[in-house]
């Protein structure tokens, strides 16, 4: 048997063993974590995995006010500027880009607030976000996925804050500065 055929056969054996193990585990969550895909180069079967979608959010706080955008798209509500990280893009660059697209503002001096990955934090699908706090400058102007952008007093946040952004704001306030 040639090395290519042997690798193909070994791949099938691994997939079969994974399938057997999967049937012995309770619950549907495990079943949703794996799926069969086919290699575009050789056509062989490969186990694919459903992973969280990576996102980045930016917290801007000035004079005891936090910047929020009103989402144009579901889920509705006020949110921190942020969004999905593009392939090949760093989390930091994504946070800066999303801020600029959604508010017209520019970010400087990013500091990590935290990583938030609780299943269910986004009602659409599993996401994880890398949240940063930054200084911002420029003229505020809602754009892209934001229908509005405003500064809110930290002690007067709107009720309808999307995702877990209230928690992220709280954590950002704990950072010095």
N, C-alpha and C. Protein backbone atom coordinates (compact mmCIF):
# COMPACT_ATOMS: atom_id res chain seq x y z
N UNK A 1 0.86 -1.18 0.00
CA UNK A 1 0.00 0.00 0.00
C UNK A 1 0.90 1.23 0.00
N UNK A 2 0.65 2.18 -0.92
CA UNK A 2 1.44 3.40 -0.98
C UNK A 2 1.20 4.29 0.23
N UNK A 3 2.12 5.25 0.45
CA UNK A 3 2.00 6.11 1.64
C UNK A 3 0.74 6.97 1.60
N UNK A 4 0.32 7.40 0.40
CA UNK A 4 -0.90 8.19 0.29
C UNK A 4 -2.13 7.39 0.68
N UNK A 5 -2.19 6.14 0.21
CA UNK A 5 -3.32 5.27 0.55
C UNK A 5 -3.31 4.93 2.04
N UNK A 6 -2.09 4.73 2.60
CA UNK A 6 -1.99 4.39 4.02
C UNK A 6 -2.51 5.57 4.86
N UNK A 7 -2.11 6.81 4.50
CA UNK A 7 -2.59 7.99 5.25
C UNK A 7 -4.10 8.10 5.14
N UNK A 8 -4.64 7.84 3.96
CA UNK A 8 -6.08 7.90 3.75
C UNK A 8 -6.78 6.87 4.63
N UNK A 9 -6.26 5.65 4.65
CA UNK A 9 -6.83 4.57 5.45
C UNK A 9 -6.73 4.89 6.94
N UNK A 10 -5.57 5.42 7.37
CA UNK A 10 -5.41 5.80 8.78
C UNK A 10 -6.39 6.91 9.15
N UNK A 11 -6.61 7.84 8.23
CA UNK A 11 -7.57 8.92 8.48
C UNK A 11 -8.98 8.37 8.67
N UNK A 12 -9.37 7.42 7.82
CA UNK A 12 -10.69 6.80 7.96
C UNK A 12 -10.82 6.05 9.28
N UNK A 13 -9.75 5.36 9.69
CA UNK A 13 -9.77 4.64 10.96
C UNK A 13 -9.96 5.60 12.12
N UNK A 14 -9.24 6.73 12.10
CA UNK A 14 -9.40 7.73 13.17
C UNK A 14 -10.81 8.29 13.21
N UNK A 15 -11.36 8.56 12.05
CA UNK A 15 -12.73 9.10 11.98
C UNK A 15 -13.72 8.08 12.52
N UNK A 16 -13.56 6.81 12.15
CA UNK A 16 -14.46 5.76 12.64
C UNK A 16 -14.38 5.64 14.16
N UNK A 17 -13.15 5.69 14.72
CA UNK A 17 -12.99 5.62 16.17
C UNK A 17 -13.64 6.82 16.85
N UNK A 18 -13.47 7.99 16.26
CA UNK A 18 -14.10 9.20 16.82
C UNK A 18 -15.61 9.08 16.78
N UNK A 19 -16.14 8.54 15.69
CA UNK A 19 -17.59 8.36 15.59
C UNK A 19 -18.10 7.37 16.63
N UNK A 20 -17.35 6.29 16.86
CA UNK A 20 -17.75 5.31 17.88
C UNK A 20 -17.75 5.96 19.27
N UNK A 21 -16.70 6.72 19.57
CA UNK A 21 -16.62 7.37 20.89
C UNK A 21 -17.75 8.39 21.04
N UNK A 22 -18.07 9.09 19.97
CA UNK A 22 -19.10 10.11 20.03
C UNK A 22 -20.46 9.51 20.38
N UNK A 23 -20.76 8.33 19.88
CA UNK A 23 -22.07 7.71 20.14
C UNK A 23 -22.21 7.29 21.60
N UNK A 24 -21.09 7.16 22.30
CA UNK A 24 -21.14 6.75 23.70
C UNK A 24 -21.28 7.94 24.65
N UNK A 25 -21.15 9.16 24.14
CA UNK A 25 -21.27 10.35 24.99
C UNK A 25 -22.70 10.87 24.96
N UNK A 26 -23.23 11.29 26.12
CA UNK A 26 -24.60 11.79 26.15
C UNK A 26 -24.69 13.21 25.60
N UNK A 27 -25.88 13.55 25.17
CA UNK A 27 -26.18 14.93 24.79
C UNK A 27 -25.88 15.23 23.34
N UNK A 28 -26.53 16.26 22.85
CA UNK A 28 -26.36 16.67 21.46
C UNK A 28 -25.21 17.65 21.27
N UNK A 29 -24.73 18.28 22.35
CA UNK A 29 -23.68 19.28 22.22
C UNK A 29 -22.44 18.67 21.58
N UNK A 30 -22.06 17.47 22.03
CA UNK A 30 -20.88 16.84 21.47
C UNK A 30 -21.06 16.56 19.98
N UNK A 31 -22.26 16.11 19.59
CA UNK A 31 -22.53 15.83 18.18
C UNK A 31 -22.41 17.09 17.34
N UNK A 32 -22.74 18.24 17.89
CA UNK A 32 -22.68 19.48 17.14
C UNK A 32 -21.27 20.02 17.02
N UNK A 33 -20.33 19.47 17.79
CA UNK A 33 -18.97 19.98 17.78
C UNK A 33 -18.15 19.48 16.60
N UNK A 34 -18.52 18.36 16.02
CA UNK A 34 -17.74 17.77 14.93
C UNK A 34 -18.62 17.57 13.71
N UNK A 35 -18.00 17.64 12.56
CA UNK A 35 -18.70 17.33 11.32
C UNK A 35 -17.67 16.83 10.31
N UNK A 36 -18.13 16.07 9.36
CA UNK A 36 -17.25 15.50 8.36
C UNK A 36 -17.15 16.46 7.18
N UNK A 37 -15.91 16.77 6.79
CA UNK A 37 -15.65 17.57 5.60
C UNK A 37 -14.68 16.79 4.73
N UNK A 38 -14.48 17.24 3.52
CA UNK A 38 -13.59 16.55 2.61
C UNK A 38 -12.47 17.47 2.19
N UNK A 39 -11.27 16.94 2.19
CA UNK A 39 -10.07 17.69 1.84
C UNK A 39 -10.17 18.15 0.39
N UNK A 40 -9.97 19.45 0.13
CA UNK A 40 -10.05 19.94 -1.25
C UNK A 40 -8.89 19.44 -2.12
N UNK A 41 -7.77 19.03 -1.50
CA UNK A 41 -6.62 18.57 -2.27
C UNK A 41 -6.75 17.11 -2.69
N UNK A 42 -7.14 16.25 -1.73
CA UNK A 42 -7.16 14.81 -2.03
C UNK A 42 -8.56 14.20 -2.02
N UNK A 43 -9.54 14.92 -1.49
CA UNK A 43 -10.89 14.40 -1.42
C UNK A 43 -11.14 13.48 -0.26
N UNK A 44 -10.13 13.28 0.58
CA UNK A 44 -10.27 12.38 1.71
C UNK A 44 -11.11 12.99 2.82
N UNK A 45 -11.71 12.14 3.66
CA UNK A 45 -12.54 12.64 4.76
C UNK A 45 -11.68 13.24 5.88
N UNK A 46 -12.17 14.31 6.45
CA UNK A 46 -11.48 15.00 7.53
C UNK A 46 -12.54 15.41 8.55
N UNK A 47 -12.23 15.25 9.82
CA UNK A 47 -13.14 15.75 10.85
C UNK A 47 -12.99 17.25 10.95
N UNK A 48 -14.08 17.97 10.83
CA UNK A 48 -14.08 19.41 11.04
C UNK A 48 -14.68 19.69 12.41
N UNK A 49 -14.35 20.83 12.97
CA UNK A 49 -14.83 21.19 14.30
C UNK A 49 -15.55 22.54 14.25
N UNK A 50 -16.65 22.62 14.97
CA UNK A 50 -17.37 23.89 15.09
C UNK A 50 -16.77 24.64 16.27
N UNK A 51 -16.15 25.75 15.99
CA UNK A 51 -15.50 26.55 17.02
C UNK A 51 -16.20 27.89 17.16
N UNK A 52 -16.01 28.56 18.29
CA UNK A 52 -16.60 29.89 18.45
C UNK A 52 -16.06 30.86 17.40
N UNK A 53 -16.89 31.82 17.03
CA UNK A 53 -16.47 32.87 16.11
C UNK A 53 -15.71 33.94 16.90
N UNK A 54 -14.49 34.31 16.47
CA UNK A 54 -13.73 35.33 17.21
C UNK A 54 -14.19 36.75 16.88
N UNK A 55 -14.36 37.54 17.91
CA UNK A 55 -14.75 38.94 17.76
C UNK A 55 -13.84 39.81 18.63
N UNK A 56 -13.92 41.11 18.42
CA UNK A 56 -13.18 42.07 19.24
C UNK A 56 -14.10 43.24 19.55
N UNK A 57 -14.04 43.74 20.78
CA UNK A 57 -14.84 44.89 21.21
C UNK A 57 -13.92 45.92 21.83
N UNK A 58 -14.36 47.17 21.77
CA UNK A 58 -13.56 48.26 22.30
C UNK A 58 -14.39 49.09 23.27
N UNK A 59 -13.83 49.32 24.46
CA UNK A 59 -14.48 50.13 25.48
C UNK A 59 -13.76 51.48 25.51
N UNK A 60 -14.51 52.55 25.24
CA UNK A 60 -13.98 53.91 25.34
C UNK A 60 -14.72 54.60 26.48
N UNK A 61 -13.97 55.05 27.47
CA UNK A 61 -14.55 55.76 28.62
C UNK A 61 -13.85 57.10 28.74
N UNK A 62 -14.65 58.17 28.73
CA UNK A 62 -14.13 59.53 28.89
C UNK A 62 -15.06 60.30 29.80
N UNK A 63 -14.49 60.98 30.78
CA UNK A 63 -15.27 61.83 31.69
C UNK A 63 -16.47 61.08 32.26
N UNK A 64 -16.23 59.86 32.73
CA UNK A 64 -17.26 59.01 33.36
C UNK A 64 -18.41 58.68 32.42
N UNK A 65 -18.11 58.65 31.10
CA UNK A 65 -19.09 58.24 30.10
C UNK A 65 -18.49 57.16 29.22
N UNK A 66 -19.34 56.24 28.76
CA UNK A 66 -18.89 55.16 27.89
C UNK A 66 -19.57 55.29 26.53
N UNK A 67 -18.81 54.96 25.49
CA UNK A 67 -19.31 55.03 24.12
C UNK A 67 -20.05 53.75 23.77
N UNK A 68 -21.28 53.89 23.28
CA UNK A 68 -22.08 52.75 22.82
C UNK A 68 -22.64 53.05 21.44
N UNK A 69 -22.88 51.99 20.68
CA UNK A 69 -23.53 52.13 19.38
C UNK A 69 -24.87 51.40 19.43
N UNK A 70 -25.83 51.91 18.69
CA UNK A 70 -27.12 51.23 18.55
C UNK A 70 -27.02 50.33 17.32
N UNK A 71 -27.20 49.04 17.53
CA UNK A 71 -27.03 48.06 16.46
C UNK A 71 -28.12 48.20 15.39
N UNK A 72 -27.71 48.18 14.13
CA UNK A 72 -28.66 48.17 13.01
C UNK A 72 -29.25 46.79 12.80
N UNK A 73 -28.47 45.77 13.10
CA UNK A 73 -28.86 44.39 12.80
C UNK A 73 -29.13 43.61 14.09
N UNK A 74 -29.98 42.58 13.98
CA UNK A 74 -30.24 41.75 15.16
C UNK A 74 -28.95 41.08 15.64
N UNK A 75 -28.83 40.85 16.91
CA UNK A 75 -29.77 41.24 17.96
C UNK A 75 -29.70 42.74 18.25
N UNK A 76 -30.85 43.32 18.54
CA UNK A 76 -30.93 44.76 18.73
C UNK A 76 -30.38 45.17 20.09
N UNK A 77 -30.18 46.46 20.24
CA UNK A 77 -29.72 47.01 21.51
C UNK A 77 -28.48 47.86 21.35
N UNK A 78 -28.10 48.46 22.46
CA UNK A 78 -26.88 49.26 22.53
C UNK A 78 -25.73 48.32 22.81
N UNK A 79 -24.60 48.57 22.16
CA UNK A 79 -23.46 47.67 22.29
C UNK A 79 -22.16 48.47 22.23
N UNK A 80 -21.11 47.84 22.67
CA UNK A 80 -19.78 48.40 22.47
C UNK A 80 -19.44 48.32 20.99
N UNK A 81 -18.67 49.26 20.49
CA UNK A 81 -18.19 49.11 19.11
C UNK A 81 -17.37 47.83 19.01
N UNK A 82 -17.63 47.04 17.99
CA UNK A 82 -16.90 45.81 17.82
C UNK A 82 -17.50 44.94 16.75
N UNK A 83 -16.86 43.81 16.52
CA UNK A 83 -17.36 42.90 15.51
C UNK A 83 -16.40 41.77 15.25
N UNK A 84 -16.63 41.07 14.17
CA UNK A 84 -15.88 39.87 13.84
C UNK A 84 -14.46 40.20 13.40
N UNK A 85 -13.54 39.34 13.81
CA UNK A 85 -12.15 39.46 13.40
C UNK A 85 -12.02 38.83 12.02
N UNK A 86 -11.48 39.58 11.08
CA UNK A 86 -11.28 39.06 9.72
C UNK A 86 -10.11 38.09 9.69
N UNK A 87 -10.16 37.16 8.76
CA UNK A 87 -9.07 36.20 8.59
C UNK A 87 -7.77 36.98 8.32
N UNK A 88 -6.72 36.65 9.07
CA UNK A 88 -5.43 37.32 8.90
C UNK A 88 -5.29 38.60 9.70
N UNK A 89 -6.32 38.98 10.43
CA UNK A 89 -6.33 40.24 11.19
C UNK A 89 -6.13 39.92 12.67
N UNK A 90 -5.38 40.76 13.37
CA UNK A 90 -5.23 40.58 14.81
C UNK A 90 -6.47 41.10 15.53
N UNK A 91 -6.66 40.65 16.76
CA UNK A 91 -7.79 41.12 17.56
C UNK A 91 -7.67 42.63 17.79
N UNK A 92 -6.46 43.10 18.04
CA UNK A 92 -6.27 44.54 18.26
C UNK A 92 -6.66 45.34 17.02
N UNK A 93 -6.20 44.90 15.85
CA UNK A 93 -6.53 45.60 14.61
C UNK A 93 -8.04 45.56 14.34
N UNK A 94 -8.68 44.45 14.65
CA UNK A 94 -10.13 44.34 14.45
C UNK A 94 -10.87 45.32 15.35
N UNK A 95 -10.45 45.45 16.61
CA UNK A 95 -11.12 46.38 17.52
C UNK A 95 -10.98 47.82 17.02
N UNK A 96 -9.80 48.18 16.57
CA UNK A 96 -9.56 49.54 16.05
C UNK A 96 -10.38 49.77 14.78
N UNK A 97 -10.39 48.78 13.88
CA UNK A 97 -11.15 48.90 12.62
C UNK A 97 -12.64 49.04 12.89
N UNK A 98 -13.18 48.19 13.77
CA UNK A 98 -14.61 48.25 14.06
C UNK A 98 -15.00 49.58 14.70
N UNK A 99 -14.17 50.09 15.60
CA UNK A 99 -14.44 51.40 16.19
C UNK A 99 -14.53 52.46 15.11
N UNK A 100 -13.58 52.45 14.20
CA UNK A 100 -13.55 53.47 13.14
C UNK A 100 -14.75 53.32 12.21
N UNK A 101 -15.09 52.10 11.83
CA UNK A 101 -16.22 51.87 10.93
C UNK A 101 -17.55 52.27 11.57
N UNK A 102 -17.72 51.97 12.85
CA UNK A 102 -19.01 52.17 13.50
C UNK A 102 -19.18 53.54 14.14
N UNK A 103 -18.08 54.24 14.40
CA UNK A 103 -18.19 55.53 15.11
C UNK A 103 -17.43 56.67 14.45
N UNK A 104 -16.53 56.38 13.51
CA UNK A 104 -15.69 57.41 12.91
C UNK A 104 -14.53 57.82 13.80
N UNK A 105 -14.38 57.20 14.96
CA UNK A 105 -13.32 57.57 15.91
C UNK A 105 -12.08 56.71 15.71
N UNK A 106 -10.97 57.20 16.22
CA UNK A 106 -9.69 56.50 16.14
C UNK A 106 -9.26 56.11 17.55
N UNK A 107 -8.63 54.94 17.67
CA UNK A 107 -8.22 54.41 18.97
C UNK A 107 -6.71 54.48 19.13
N UNK A 108 -6.31 54.65 20.38
CA UNK A 108 -4.89 54.63 20.73
C UNK A 108 -4.75 53.99 22.11
N UNK A 109 -3.58 53.47 22.39
CA UNK A 109 -3.24 52.93 23.71
C UNK A 109 -4.21 51.84 24.16
N UNK A 110 -4.36 50.82 23.36
CA UNK A 110 -5.25 49.71 23.72
C UNK A 110 -4.69 48.94 24.92
N UNK A 111 -5.59 48.57 25.82
CA UNK A 111 -5.26 47.73 26.97
C UNK A 111 -6.29 46.62 27.04
N UNK A 112 -5.83 45.42 27.29
CA UNK A 112 -6.72 44.27 27.36
C UNK A 112 -7.63 44.37 28.58
N UNK A 113 -8.93 44.25 28.36
CA UNK A 113 -9.90 44.17 29.45
C UNK A 113 -10.10 42.71 29.82
N UNK A 114 -10.32 41.86 28.82
CA UNK A 114 -10.53 40.44 29.09
C UNK A 114 -11.01 39.71 27.85
N UNK A 115 -11.13 38.41 28.01
CA UNK A 115 -11.67 37.55 26.96
C UNK A 115 -12.97 36.96 27.51
N UNK A 116 -14.04 37.08 26.73
CA UNK A 116 -15.38 36.67 27.17
C UNK A 116 -15.88 35.62 26.19
N UNK A 117 -16.16 34.42 26.70
CA UNK A 117 -16.47 33.32 25.79
C UNK A 117 -17.62 32.43 26.27
N UNK A 118 -18.39 32.90 27.22
CA UNK A 118 -19.50 32.09 27.75
C UNK A 118 -20.46 31.72 26.62
N UNK A 119 -20.78 30.43 26.53
CA UNK A 119 -21.75 29.98 25.53
C UNK A 119 -23.08 30.69 25.80
N UNK A 120 -23.69 31.26 24.76
CA UNK A 120 -24.95 31.97 24.92
C UNK A 120 -24.79 33.48 25.05
N UNK A 121 -23.56 33.97 25.11
CA UNK A 121 -23.35 35.42 25.24
C UNK A 121 -23.88 36.15 24.00
N UNK A 122 -23.91 35.46 22.88
CA UNK A 122 -24.49 35.97 21.64
C UNK A 122 -25.61 34.99 21.28
N UNK A 123 -26.85 35.47 21.13
CA UNK A 123 -27.96 34.54 20.87
C UNK A 123 -27.92 33.89 19.49
N UNK A 124 -27.09 34.38 18.59
CA UNK A 124 -27.05 33.84 17.23
C UNK A 124 -26.20 32.58 17.13
N UNK A 125 -25.04 32.60 17.79
CA UNK A 125 -24.11 31.48 17.74
C UNK A 125 -23.03 31.71 18.78
N UNK A 126 -22.18 30.72 18.98
CA UNK A 126 -21.13 30.83 19.99
C UNK A 126 -20.02 31.75 19.50
N UNK A 127 -19.76 32.80 20.27
CA UNK A 127 -18.67 33.72 19.96
C UNK A 127 -17.76 33.84 21.17
N UNK A 128 -16.56 34.30 20.90
CA UNK A 128 -15.69 34.74 21.99
C UNK A 128 -15.17 36.10 21.58
N UNK A 129 -15.08 37.00 22.54
CA UNK A 129 -14.59 38.32 22.22
C UNK A 129 -13.37 38.65 23.04
N UNK A 130 -12.48 39.38 22.41
CA UNK A 130 -11.33 39.96 23.09
C UNK A 130 -11.67 41.44 23.24
N UNK A 131 -11.80 41.89 24.49
CA UNK A 131 -12.23 43.27 24.74
C UNK A 131 -11.05 44.13 25.17
N UNK A 132 -11.00 45.32 24.62
CA UNK A 132 -9.94 46.28 24.91
C UNK A 132 -10.54 47.58 25.41
N UNK A 133 -9.77 48.28 26.23
CA UNK A 133 -10.10 49.65 26.59
C UNK A 133 -9.08 50.53 25.88
N UNK A 134 -9.53 51.67 25.36
CA UNK A 134 -8.64 52.53 24.59
C UNK A 134 -9.05 53.98 24.74
N UNK A 135 -8.11 54.85 24.44
CA UNK A 135 -8.39 56.28 24.30
C UNK A 135 -8.86 56.49 22.87
N UNK A 136 -9.81 57.40 22.68
CA UNK A 136 -10.33 57.63 21.34
C UNK A 136 -10.27 59.12 21.01
N UNK A 137 -10.23 59.41 19.70
CA UNK A 137 -10.23 60.79 19.24
C UNK A 137 -10.96 60.86 17.90
N UNK A 138 -11.35 62.06 17.51
CA UNK A 138 -12.03 62.26 16.25
C UNK A 138 -13.46 62.72 16.46
N UNK A 139 -14.19 62.83 15.35
CA UNK A 139 -15.58 63.28 15.39
C UNK A 139 -16.50 62.06 15.39
N UNK A 140 -17.40 62.00 16.37
CA UNK A 140 -18.32 60.88 16.50
C UNK A 140 -19.38 60.92 15.39
N UNK A 141 -19.48 59.81 14.65
CA UNK A 141 -20.43 59.72 13.54
C UNK A 141 -20.77 58.25 13.32
N UNK A 142 -22.01 57.87 13.61
CA UNK A 142 -22.43 56.47 13.47
C UNK A 142 -22.33 56.03 12.01
N UNK A 143 -21.84 54.81 11.81
CA UNK A 143 -21.73 54.28 10.46
C UNK A 143 -21.70 52.77 10.48
N UNK A 144 -21.64 52.16 9.30
CA UNK A 144 -21.57 50.72 9.10
C UNK A 144 -22.73 50.02 9.79
N UNK A 145 -22.47 49.22 10.82
CA UNK A 145 -23.51 48.45 11.51
C UNK A 145 -24.21 49.24 12.61
N UNK A 146 -23.89 50.51 12.77
CA UNK A 146 -24.46 51.32 13.85
C UNK A 146 -25.43 52.34 13.28
N UNK A 147 -26.65 52.38 13.84
CA UNK A 147 -27.61 53.40 13.43
C UNK A 147 -27.47 54.66 14.28
N UNK A 148 -26.78 54.55 15.42
CA UNK A 148 -26.55 55.69 16.31
C UNK A 148 -25.30 55.38 17.13
N UNK A 149 -24.64 56.41 17.59
CA UNK A 149 -23.49 56.26 18.48
C UNK A 149 -23.55 57.41 19.47
N UNK A 150 -23.45 57.08 20.76
CA UNK A 150 -23.58 58.10 21.81
C UNK A 150 -22.69 57.76 23.00
N UNK A 151 -22.41 58.82 23.76
CA UNK A 151 -21.75 58.66 25.05
C UNK A 151 -22.84 58.59 26.12
N UNK A 152 -22.73 57.60 27.01
CA UNK A 152 -23.69 57.43 28.11
C UNK A 152 -22.95 57.54 29.44
N UNK A 153 -23.57 58.21 30.42
CA UNK A 153 -22.96 58.23 31.75
C UNK A 153 -22.86 56.80 32.29
N UNK A 154 -21.77 56.49 32.96
CA UNK A 154 -21.60 55.15 33.51
C UNK A 154 -22.70 54.79 34.50
N UNK A 155 -23.26 55.77 35.16
CA UNK A 155 -24.35 55.49 36.10
C UNK A 155 -25.72 55.67 35.47
N UNK A 156 -25.78 55.78 34.14
CA UNK A 156 -27.05 55.94 33.43
C UNK A 156 -27.07 55.17 32.12
N UNK A 157 -26.61 53.93 32.17
CA UNK A 157 -26.58 53.11 30.95
C UNK A 157 -28.00 52.72 30.54
N UNK A 158 -28.23 52.57 29.24
CA UNK A 158 -29.56 52.14 28.79
C UNK A 158 -29.86 50.72 29.25
N UNK A 159 -31.15 50.39 29.35
CA UNK A 159 -31.55 49.05 29.79
C UNK A 159 -31.21 47.98 28.75
N UNK A 160 -31.36 48.32 27.48
CA UNK A 160 -31.23 47.33 26.42
C UNK A 160 -29.79 47.27 25.87
N UNK A 161 -28.87 46.78 26.71
CA UNK A 161 -27.48 46.59 26.28
C UNK A 161 -27.35 45.16 25.77
N UNK A 162 -26.80 45.04 24.58
CA UNK A 162 -26.68 43.73 23.91
C UNK A 162 -25.56 42.89 24.52
N UNK A 163 -25.70 41.60 24.32
CA UNK A 163 -24.69 40.61 24.69
C UNK A 163 -24.35 40.72 26.18
N UNK A 164 -23.09 40.56 26.52
CA UNK A 164 -22.62 40.70 27.90
C UNK A 164 -21.82 41.99 28.06
N UNK A 165 -22.16 43.00 27.26
CA UNK A 165 -21.38 44.22 27.23
C UNK A 165 -21.46 45.02 28.54
N UNK A 166 -22.52 44.86 29.30
CA UNK A 166 -22.58 45.50 30.62
C UNK A 166 -21.46 44.96 31.52
N UNK A 167 -21.21 43.65 31.46
CA UNK A 167 -20.13 43.03 32.23
C UNK A 167 -18.77 43.54 31.77
N UNK A 168 -18.60 43.67 30.46
CA UNK A 168 -17.32 44.14 29.92
C UNK A 168 -17.07 45.58 30.35
N UNK A 169 -18.11 46.42 30.32
CA UNK A 169 -17.97 47.81 30.77
C UNK A 169 -17.56 47.85 32.23
N UNK A 170 -18.23 47.02 33.05
CA UNK A 170 -17.88 46.96 34.48
C UNK A 170 -16.41 46.59 34.66
N UNK A 171 -15.96 45.58 33.94
CA UNK A 171 -14.57 45.15 34.06
C UNK A 171 -13.60 46.21 33.57
N UNK A 172 -13.97 46.93 32.51
CA UNK A 172 -13.11 48.00 31.98
C UNK A 172 -12.96 49.13 33.00
N UNK A 173 -14.00 49.38 33.75
CA UNK A 173 -13.94 50.42 34.79
C UNK A 173 -12.97 50.07 35.92
N UNK A 174 -12.69 48.78 36.08
CA UNK A 174 -11.79 48.34 37.13
C UNK A 174 -10.31 48.57 36.76
N UNK A 175 -10.05 48.80 35.46
CA UNK A 175 -8.68 49.11 35.05
C UNK A 175 -8.32 50.51 35.50
N UNK A 176 -7.07 50.75 35.84
CA UNK A 176 -6.64 52.10 36.20
C UNK A 176 -6.70 53.00 34.99
N UNK A 177 -7.24 54.19 35.16
CA UNK A 177 -7.28 55.15 34.06
C UNK A 177 -8.56 55.20 33.44
